[in-house]
Amino acid sequence: MALTKLERNSDKNFVCPTCGNELRRVDGELKVSEGKVNMQDSIPRHICDNCGVFYRELLHSGYYDVFDLPDSEKISKPKIKPVAEIPPTKLKREADGKCPCPRCGERMDFVEGGAVQIVDGKPDFSNTVEHFHCANCKSIFRKIAGTDYFQYSEK
């Protein structure tokens, strides 16, 4: 049994010592199983959905024990492909002006090219060429010059 002292972020919430994501707090509740009260379930838990574990405080000591999260409580996240696995792809607008995202599978919006915008006193050329934008995974796919293919773009 390895105990861990959990750190807090700037919002005073606990963060996961493994991945650094903010932990989700779930208050404890009394459950009766086989005629006995399970006191472990009455202690609040701090859940890391990213790592699939939860932390429970040991005797109000400020130290936490880590446990694997049961499969029934895990939150399924959509699978997002790494950028290196996405080859240049032909993307075509459908009737609603959207198309499926090659990275996460959600629907991407088509953004028409427009005039240069002035942002903070500097020209912003990011929206001058047509591209697709995915609101789910925050991906942007820009057209490769002289082709019908689109490629993932950082900005």
N, C-alpha and C. Protein backbone atom coordinates (compact mmCIF):
# COMPACT_ATOMS: atom_id res chain seq x y z
N MET A 1 0.85 -1.17 0.00
CA MET A 1 0.00 0.00 0.00
C MET A 1 0.90 1.23 0.00
N ALA A 2 0.85 1.98 -1.10
CA ALA A 2 1.64 3.20 -1.21
C ALA A 2 0.71 4.40 -1.05
N LEU A 3 1.00 5.23 -0.10
CA LEU A 3 0.18 6.42 0.15
C LEU A 3 0.76 7.61 -0.58
N THR A 4 -0.12 8.51 -1.01
CA THR A 4 0.28 9.67 -1.79
C THR A 4 -0.30 10.93 -1.17
N LYS A 5 0.48 11.99 -1.16
CA LYS A 5 -0.01 13.31 -0.74
C LYS A 5 -0.41 14.02 -2.02
N LEU A 6 -1.70 14.31 -2.17
CA LEU A 6 -2.20 14.95 -3.39
C LEU A 6 -1.94 16.45 -3.35
N GLU A 7 -1.53 16.99 -4.49
CA GLU A 7 -1.28 18.42 -4.63
C GLU A 7 -2.55 19.10 -5.13
N ARG A 8 -2.65 20.39 -4.88
CA ARG A 8 -3.80 21.18 -5.34
C ARG A 8 -3.36 22.14 -6.44
N ASN A 9 -4.30 22.46 -7.35
CA ASN A 9 -4.00 23.43 -8.41
C ASN A 9 -4.39 24.84 -7.94
N SER A 10 -4.35 25.80 -8.83
CA SER A 10 -4.64 27.19 -8.47
C SER A 10 -6.09 27.40 -8.05
N ASP A 11 -7.00 26.50 -8.49
CA ASP A 11 -8.41 26.58 -8.11
C ASP A 11 -8.70 25.82 -6.82
N LYS A 12 -7.66 25.37 -6.14
CA LYS A 12 -7.77 24.62 -4.87
C LYS A 12 -8.39 23.24 -5.04
N ASN A 13 -8.33 22.68 -6.25
CA ASN A 13 -8.82 21.33 -6.50
C ASN A 13 -7.63 20.38 -6.59
N PHE A 14 -7.82 19.12 -6.21
CA PHE A 14 -6.74 18.15 -6.28
C PHE A 14 -6.43 17.81 -7.74
N VAL A 15 -5.15 17.53 -7.99
CA VAL A 15 -4.71 17.10 -9.32
C VAL A 15 -4.09 15.71 -9.22
N CYS A 16 -4.20 14.96 -10.30
CA CYS A 16 -3.66 13.60 -10.35
C CYS A 16 -2.14 13.66 -10.35
N PRO A 17 -1.48 12.89 -9.48
CA PRO A 17 -0.02 12.90 -9.46
C PRO A 17 0.59 12.23 -10.69
N THR A 18 -0.18 11.42 -11.41
CA THR A 18 0.34 10.71 -12.58
C THR A 18 0.26 11.56 -13.85
N CYS A 19 -0.95 12.09 -14.15
CA CYS A 19 -1.14 12.80 -15.42
C CYS A 19 -1.31 14.31 -15.26
N GLY A 20 -1.57 14.80 -14.04
CA GLY A 20 -1.71 16.23 -13.81
C GLY A 20 -3.10 16.79 -14.08
N ASN A 21 -4.06 15.94 -14.48
CA ASN A 21 -5.43 16.42 -14.70
C ASN A 21 -6.13 16.64 -13.37
N GLU A 22 -7.13 17.52 -13.39
CA GLU A 22 -7.90 17.81 -12.19
C GLU A 22 -8.75 16.58 -11.82
N LEU A 23 -8.80 16.27 -10.52
CA LEU A 23 -9.57 15.13 -10.05
C LEU A 23 -11.02 15.52 -9.82
N ARG A 24 -11.91 14.60 -10.12
CA ARG A 24 -13.35 14.80 -9.92
C ARG A 24 -13.73 14.23 -8.56
N ARG A 25 -14.35 15.05 -7.70
CA ARG A 25 -14.73 14.60 -6.35
C ARG A 25 -16.12 13.98 -6.38
N VAL A 26 -16.25 12.81 -5.76
CA VAL A 26 -17.53 12.13 -5.62
C VAL A 26 -17.73 11.88 -4.13
N ASP A 27 -18.80 12.45 -3.58
CA ASP A 27 -19.09 12.26 -2.16
C ASP A 27 -19.47 10.81 -1.90
N GLY A 28 -19.13 10.36 -0.70
CA GLY A 28 -19.44 8.99 -0.30
C GLY A 28 -20.91 8.83 0.04
N GLU A 29 -21.38 7.59 -0.02
CA GLU A 29 -22.75 7.28 0.35
C GLU A 29 -22.77 5.91 1.01
N LEU A 30 -23.62 5.76 1.98
CA LEU A 30 -23.73 4.49 2.69
C LEU A 30 -24.48 3.48 1.83
N LYS A 31 -23.90 2.30 1.68
CA LYS A 31 -24.53 1.23 0.92
C LYS A 31 -24.59 -0.01 1.80
N VAL A 32 -25.70 -0.69 1.73
CA VAL A 32 -25.87 -1.93 2.46
C VAL A 32 -25.78 -3.08 1.47
N SER A 33 -24.85 -4.00 1.72
CA SER A 33 -24.74 -5.18 0.87
C SER A 33 -24.61 -6.40 1.77
N GLU A 34 -25.41 -7.40 1.49
CA GLU A 34 -25.45 -8.64 2.27
C GLU A 34 -25.71 -8.37 3.74
N GLY A 35 -26.57 -7.39 4.01
CA GLY A 35 -26.96 -7.09 5.38
C GLY A 35 -25.96 -6.30 6.19
N LYS A 36 -24.86 -5.83 5.54
CA LYS A 36 -23.83 -5.07 6.25
C LYS A 36 -23.63 -3.73 5.57
N VAL A 37 -23.30 -2.73 6.35
CA VAL A 37 -23.02 -1.41 5.81
C VAL A 37 -21.55 -1.38 5.38
N ASN A 38 -21.32 -0.95 4.14
CA ASN A 38 -19.97 -0.85 3.61
C ASN A 38 -19.45 0.56 3.93
N MET A 39 -18.63 0.69 4.95
CA MET A 39 -18.14 1.99 5.40
C MET A 39 -17.14 2.62 4.42
N GLN A 40 -16.46 1.80 3.62
CA GLN A 40 -15.50 2.34 2.65
C GLN A 40 -16.19 3.22 1.61
N ASP A 41 -17.43 2.88 1.28
CA ASP A 41 -18.17 3.66 0.29
C ASP A 41 -18.66 4.99 0.84
N SER A 42 -18.58 5.19 2.16
CA SER A 42 -19.03 6.45 2.76
C SER A 42 -17.95 7.53 2.72
N ILE A 43 -16.72 7.15 2.37
CA ILE A 43 -15.60 8.11 2.31
C ILE A 43 -15.59 8.75 0.92
N PRO A 44 -15.45 10.08 0.83
CA PRO A 44 -15.38 10.73 -0.49
C PRO A 44 -14.19 10.21 -1.31
N ARG A 45 -14.40 10.18 -2.62
CA ARG A 45 -13.34 9.72 -3.53
C ARG A 45 -12.99 10.84 -4.50
N HIS A 46 -11.75 10.85 -4.94
CA HIS A 46 -11.26 11.80 -5.95
C HIS A 46 -10.85 10.97 -7.15
N ILE A 47 -11.60 11.12 -8.26
CA ILE A 47 -11.47 10.25 -9.41
C ILE A 47 -10.69 10.93 -10.53
N CYS A 48 -9.74 10.18 -11.11
CA CYS A 48 -9.04 10.63 -12.33
C CYS A 48 -9.60 9.81 -13.48
N ASP A 49 -10.42 10.45 -14.32
CA ASP A 49 -11.03 9.76 -15.45
C ASP A 49 -10.00 9.41 -16.51
N ASN A 50 -8.92 10.16 -16.58
CA ASN A 50 -7.88 9.92 -17.57
C ASN A 50 -7.11 8.64 -17.26
N CYS A 51 -6.72 8.45 -16.01
CA CYS A 51 -5.92 7.29 -15.60
C CYS A 51 -6.77 6.09 -15.21
N GLY A 52 -8.05 6.29 -14.92
CA GLY A 52 -8.92 5.19 -14.52
C GLY A 52 -8.69 4.74 -13.09
N VAL A 53 -8.34 5.68 -12.20
CA VAL A 53 -8.10 5.36 -10.79
C VAL A 53 -8.86 6.35 -9.91
N PHE A 54 -8.99 6.01 -8.62
CA PHE A 54 -9.54 6.97 -7.67
C PHE A 54 -8.70 6.94 -6.41
N TYR A 55 -8.73 8.06 -5.69
CA TYR A 55 -7.95 8.24 -4.47
C TYR A 55 -8.91 8.39 -3.30
N ARG A 56 -8.60 7.70 -2.19
CA ARG A 56 -9.42 7.76 -0.99
C ARG A 56 -8.50 8.10 0.18
N GLU A 57 -8.91 9.09 0.98
CA GLU A 57 -8.08 9.54 2.10
C GLU A 57 -8.04 8.48 3.19
N LEU A 58 -6.89 8.33 3.82
CA LEU A 58 -6.70 7.35 4.87
C LEU A 58 -6.78 8.04 6.23
N LEU A 59 -7.86 7.79 6.97
CA LEU A 59 -8.03 8.25 8.35
C LEU A 59 -7.78 9.75 8.54
N HIS A 60 -8.27 10.58 7.67
CA HIS A 60 -8.13 12.05 7.77
C HIS A 60 -6.67 12.47 7.96
N SER A 61 -5.75 11.75 7.33
CA SER A 61 -4.32 12.02 7.51
C SER A 61 -3.76 12.98 6.46
N GLY A 62 -4.52 13.23 5.39
CA GLY A 62 -4.01 14.05 4.30
C GLY A 62 -3.27 13.22 3.27
N TYR A 63 -3.17 11.91 3.50
CA TYR A 63 -2.54 10.99 2.56
C TYR A 63 -3.60 10.11 1.94
N TYR A 64 -3.41 9.79 0.67
CA TYR A 64 -4.44 9.10 -0.10
C TYR A 64 -3.91 7.79 -0.65
N ASP A 65 -4.79 6.78 -0.63
CA ASP A 65 -4.48 5.48 -1.22
C ASP A 65 -5.13 5.44 -2.60
N VAL A 66 -4.48 4.80 -3.56
CA VAL A 66 -4.98 4.76 -4.93
C VAL A 66 -5.60 3.38 -5.20
N PHE A 67 -6.73 3.39 -5.93
CA PHE A 67 -7.44 2.17 -6.30
C PHE A 67 -7.84 2.25 -7.76
N ASP A 68 -7.95 1.09 -8.41
CA ASP A 68 -8.44 1.07 -9.79
C ASP A 68 -9.93 1.36 -9.79
N LEU A 69 -10.36 2.13 -10.76
CA LEU A 69 -11.78 2.48 -10.90
C LEU A 69 -12.52 1.30 -11.52
N PRO A 70 -13.66 0.89 -10.94
CA PRO A 70 -14.43 -0.21 -11.54
C PRO A 70 -14.88 0.16 -12.96
N ASP A 71 -14.98 -0.84 -13.82
CA ASP A 71 -15.37 -0.60 -15.21
C ASP A 71 -16.72 0.07 -15.32
N SER A 72 -17.62 -0.19 -14.37
CA SER A 72 -18.96 0.40 -14.43
C SER A 72 -18.94 1.91 -14.20
N GLU A 73 -17.86 2.44 -13.60
CA GLU A 73 -17.79 3.87 -13.30
C GLU A 73 -16.89 4.64 -14.26
N LYS A 74 -16.22 3.93 -15.16
CA LYS A 74 -15.33 4.60 -16.09
C LYS A 74 -16.14 5.36 -17.13
N ILE A 75 -15.68 6.55 -17.46
CA ILE A 75 -16.32 7.38 -18.48
C ILE A 75 -15.61 7.10 -19.79
N SER A 76 -16.38 6.66 -20.78
CA SER A 76 -15.77 6.36 -22.07
C SER A 76 -15.53 7.67 -22.82
N LYS A 77 -14.30 7.83 -23.28
CA LYS A 77 -13.93 9.03 -24.03
C LYS A 77 -13.80 8.65 -25.50
N PRO A 78 -14.17 9.57 -26.39
CA PRO A 78 -13.99 9.25 -27.80
C PRO A 78 -12.51 9.12 -28.12
N LYS A 79 -12.20 8.16 -28.97
CA LYS A 79 -10.82 7.90 -29.35
C LYS A 79 -10.35 8.96 -30.34
N ILE A 80 -9.30 9.67 -29.99
CA ILE A 80 -8.73 10.69 -30.87
C ILE A 80 -7.40 10.16 -31.38
N LYS A 81 -7.27 10.09 -32.69
CA LYS A 81 -6.04 9.57 -33.30
C LYS A 81 -4.90 10.55 -33.12
N PRO A 82 -3.68 10.05 -32.93
CA PRO A 82 -2.52 10.95 -32.92
C PRO A 82 -2.34 11.58 -34.31
N VAL A 83 -1.77 12.75 -34.33
CA VAL A 83 -1.60 13.49 -35.58
C VAL A 83 -0.73 12.72 -36.57
N ALA A 84 0.27 11.98 -36.07
CA ALA A 84 1.18 11.25 -36.95
C ALA A 84 0.46 10.14 -37.73
N GLU A 85 -0.68 9.66 -37.24
CA GLU A 85 -1.41 8.59 -37.91
C GLU A 85 -2.40 9.08 -38.96
N ILE A 86 -2.50 10.39 -39.15
CA ILE A 86 -3.48 10.94 -40.09
C ILE A 86 -2.78 11.37 -41.37
N PRO A 87 -2.95 10.60 -42.45
CA PRO A 87 -2.33 11.00 -43.72
C PRO A 87 -3.15 12.11 -44.37
N PRO A 88 -2.60 12.80 -45.37
CA PRO A 88 -3.41 13.77 -46.11
C PRO A 88 -4.66 13.07 -46.66
N THR A 89 -5.81 13.72 -46.51
CA THR A 89 -7.10 13.10 -46.81
C THR A 89 -7.95 14.00 -47.68
N LYS A 90 -8.72 13.39 -48.57
CA LYS A 90 -9.68 14.16 -49.35
C LYS A 90 -10.90 14.38 -48.47
N LEU A 91 -11.24 15.63 -48.24
CA LEU A 91 -12.41 15.99 -47.44
C LEU A 91 -13.38 16.73 -48.35
N LYS A 92 -14.65 16.40 -48.24
CA LYS A 92 -15.66 17.02 -49.10
C LYS A 92 -16.84 17.44 -48.25
N ARG A 93 -17.28 18.68 -48.45
CA ARG A 93 -18.45 19.19 -47.74
C ARG A 93 -19.69 18.43 -48.16
N GLU A 94 -20.53 18.11 -47.18
CA GLU A 94 -21.80 17.49 -47.47
C GLU A 94 -22.85 18.59 -47.56
N ALA A 95 -24.10 18.23 -47.70
CA ALA A 95 -25.17 19.20 -47.91
C ALA A 95 -25.27 20.23 -46.79
N ASP A 96 -24.94 19.81 -45.55
CA ASP A 96 -25.02 20.73 -44.42
C ASP A 96 -23.75 21.55 -44.23
N GLY A 97 -22.78 21.39 -45.13
CA GLY A 97 -21.53 22.16 -45.05
C GLY A 97 -20.53 21.57 -44.09
N LYS A 98 -20.75 20.34 -43.66
CA LYS A 98 -19.85 19.69 -42.71
C LYS A 98 -19.34 18.38 -43.29
N CYS A 99 -18.34 17.79 -42.64
CA CYS A 99 -17.84 16.48 -43.01
C CYS A 99 -17.28 15.79 -41.77
N PRO A 100 -17.10 14.47 -41.78
CA PRO A 100 -16.57 13.77 -40.61
C PRO A 100 -15.09 14.10 -40.39
N CYS A 101 -14.71 14.25 -39.14
CA CYS A 101 -13.33 14.55 -38.79
C CYS A 101 -12.48 13.28 -38.88
N PRO A 102 -11.35 13.32 -39.59
CA PRO A 102 -10.49 12.13 -39.67
C PRO A 102 -9.81 11.79 -38.35
N ARG A 103 -9.80 12.73 -37.41
CA ARG A 103 -9.11 12.52 -36.15
C ARG A 103 -10.02 11.92 -35.07
N CYS A 104 -11.26 12.43 -34.93
CA CYS A 104 -12.13 11.95 -33.85
C CYS A 104 -13.46 11.40 -34.34
N GLY A 105 -13.84 11.66 -35.59
CA GLY A 105 -15.09 11.13 -36.12
C GLY A 105 -16.29 12.04 -35.98
N GLU A 106 -16.18 13.14 -35.24
CA GLU A 106 -17.29 14.09 -35.10
C GLU A 106 -17.43 14.91 -36.37
N ARG A 107 -18.46 15.75 -36.42
CA ARG A 107 -18.70 16.57 -37.61
C ARG A 107 -17.89 17.86 -37.55
N MET A 108 -17.16 18.15 -38.62
CA MET A 108 -16.34 19.37 -38.72
C MET A 108 -17.09 20.43 -39.51
N ASP A 109 -16.86 21.68 -39.14
CA ASP A 109 -17.43 22.82 -39.85
C ASP A 109 -16.47 23.26 -40.95
N PHE A 110 -17.03 23.70 -42.07
CA PHE A 110 -16.23 24.26 -43.15
C PHE A 110 -16.15 25.76 -42.95
N VAL A 111 -14.96 26.31 -43.00
CA VAL A 111 -14.75 27.75 -42.82
C VAL A 111 -14.28 28.33 -44.15
N GLU A 112 -15.08 29.24 -44.70
CA GLU A 112 -14.72 29.89 -45.96
C GLU A 112 -13.54 30.82 -45.75
N GLY A 113 -12.71 30.96 -46.77
CA GLY A 113 -11.62 31.92 -46.71
C GLY A 113 -12.16 33.34 -46.76
N GLY A 114 -11.51 34.23 -46.06
CA GLY A 114 -11.99 35.61 -46.01
C GLY A 114 -10.85 36.59 -46.04
N ALA A 115 -11.15 37.81 -45.74
CA ALA A 115 -10.15 38.87 -45.74
C ALA A 115 -9.24 38.74 -44.52
N VAL A 116 -8.08 39.38 -44.61
CA VAL A 116 -7.14 39.41 -43.50
C VAL A 116 -7.77 40.18 -42.35
N GLN A 117 -7.68 39.64 -41.15
CA GLN A 117 -8.22 40.29 -39.95
C GLN A 117 -7.07 40.95 -39.19
N ILE A 118 -7.36 42.03 -38.51
CA ILE A 118 -6.37 42.69 -37.66
C ILE A 118 -6.69 42.28 -36.21
N VAL A 119 -5.74 41.59 -35.57
CA VAL A 119 -5.91 41.13 -34.19
C VAL A 119 -4.77 41.72 -33.36
N ASP A 120 -5.12 42.48 -32.35
CA ASP A 120 -4.14 43.13 -31.48
C ASP A 120 -3.14 43.97 -32.28
N GLY A 121 -3.62 44.63 -33.32
CA GLY A 121 -2.79 45.51 -34.13
C GLY A 121 -1.89 44.79 -35.13
N LYS A 122 -2.06 43.46 -35.26
CA LYS A 122 -1.23 42.69 -36.20
C LYS A 122 -2.14 41.94 -37.17
N PRO A 123 -1.69 41.75 -38.42
CA PRO A 123 -2.52 41.01 -39.38
C PRO A 123 -2.58 39.53 -39.02
N ASP A 124 -3.78 38.94 -39.11
CA ASP A 124 -3.99 37.52 -38.85
C ASP A 124 -4.43 36.86 -40.14
N PHE A 125 -3.57 36.00 -40.69
CA PHE A 125 -3.83 35.36 -41.97
C PHE A 125 -4.45 33.97 -41.82
N SER A 126 -4.79 33.55 -40.58
CA SER A 126 -5.22 32.17 -40.35
C SER A 126 -6.54 31.82 -41.02
N ASN A 127 -7.42 32.76 -41.25
CA ASN A 127 -8.71 32.45 -41.88
C ASN A 127 -8.83 32.97 -43.30
N THR A 128 -7.71 33.21 -43.97
CA THR A 128 -7.77 33.70 -45.34
C THR A 128 -7.95 32.58 -46.35
N VAL A 129 -7.66 31.34 -45.97
CA VAL A 129 -7.79 30.19 -46.85
C VAL A 129 -8.85 29.26 -46.27
N GLU A 130 -9.67 28.66 -47.14
CA GLU A 130 -10.72 27.77 -46.65
C GLU A 130 -10.11 26.57 -45.93
N HIS A 131 -10.81 26.13 -44.87
CA HIS A 131 -10.34 24.99 -44.08
C HIS A 131 -11.51 24.39 -43.31
N PHE A 132 -11.26 23.23 -42.71
CA PHE A 132 -12.24 22.58 -41.87
C PHE A 132 -11.80 22.72 -40.42
N HIS A 133 -12.77 22.93 -39.51
CA HIS A 133 -12.48 23.08 -38.08
C HIS A 133 -13.38 22.13 -37.30
N CYS A 134 -12.77 21.31 -36.42
CA CYS A 134 -13.53 20.38 -35.58
C CYS A 134 -13.64 20.97 -34.18
N ALA A 135 -14.85 21.22 -33.73
CA ALA A 135 -15.07 21.79 -32.39
C ALA A 135 -14.80 20.77 -31.29
N ASN A 136 -14.93 19.47 -31.60
CA ASN A 136 -14.75 18.44 -30.59
C ASN A 136 -13.29 18.26 -30.19
N CYS A 137 -12.42 18.01 -31.16
CA CYS A 137 -11.00 17.75 -30.85
C CYS A 137 -10.11 18.96 -31.15
N LYS A 138 -10.71 20.09 -31.54
CA LYS A 138 -10.00 21.35 -31.81
C LYS A 138 -8.99 21.22 -32.96
N SER A 139 -9.26 20.30 -33.90
CA SER A 139 -8.36 20.11 -35.04
C SER A 139 -8.73 21.05 -36.17
N ILE A 140 -7.72 21.41 -36.94
CA ILE A 140 -7.92 22.23 -38.13
C ILE A 140 -7.26 21.49 -39.30
N PHE A 141 -7.99 21.35 -40.40
CA PHE A 141 -7.46 20.71 -41.59
C PHE A 141 -7.45 21.73 -42.72
N ARG A 142 -6.25 22.01 -43.22
CA ARG A 142 -6.09 23.00 -44.29
C ARG A 142 -5.78 22.28 -45.60
N LYS A 143 -6.17 22.91 -46.70
CA LYS A 143 -5.97 22.33 -48.03
C LYS A 143 -4.50 22.42 -48.43
N ILE A 144 -3.99 21.34 -49.00
CA ILE A 144 -2.63 21.32 -49.52
C ILE A 144 -2.68 22.01 -50.89
N ALA A 145 -1.81 22.98 -51.10
CA ALA A 145 -1.84 23.82 -52.31
C ALA A 145 -1.78 22.97 -53.57
N GLY A 146 -2.68 23.26 -54.49
CA GLY A 146 -2.69 22.61 -55.80
C GLY A 146 -3.25 21.20 -55.80
N THR A 147 -3.85 20.75 -54.70
CA THR A 147 -4.42 19.40 -54.64
C THR A 147 -5.83 19.46 -54.06
N ASP A 148 -6.48 18.30 -54.02
CA ASP A 148 -7.79 18.19 -53.39
C ASP A 148 -7.68 17.62 -51.98
N TYR A 149 -6.46 17.51 -51.45
CA TYR A 149 -6.23 16.90 -50.15
C TYR A 149 -6.13 17.95 -49.04
N PHE A 150 -6.54 17.53 -47.87
CA PHE A 150 -6.46 18.36 -46.66
C PHE A 150 -5.52 17.68 -45.67
N GLN A 151 -4.79 18.49 -44.91
CA GLN A 151 -3.84 17.96 -43.93
C GLN A 151 -4.04 18.67 -42.62
N TYR A 152 -3.77 17.95 -41.51
CA TYR A 152 -3.87 18.52 -40.16
C TYR A 152 -2.93 19.72 -40.06
N SER A 153 -3.40 20.77 -39.39
CA SER A 153 -2.61 21.98 -39.24
C SER A 153 -2.61 22.38 -37.77
N GLU A 154 -1.48 22.88 -37.30
CA GLU A 154 -1.37 23.33 -35.90
C GLU A 154 -2.28 24.50 -35.62
N LYS A 155 -2.37 25.44 -36.54
CA LYS A 155 -3.23 26.61 -36.34
C LYS A 155 -3.78 27.06 -37.65
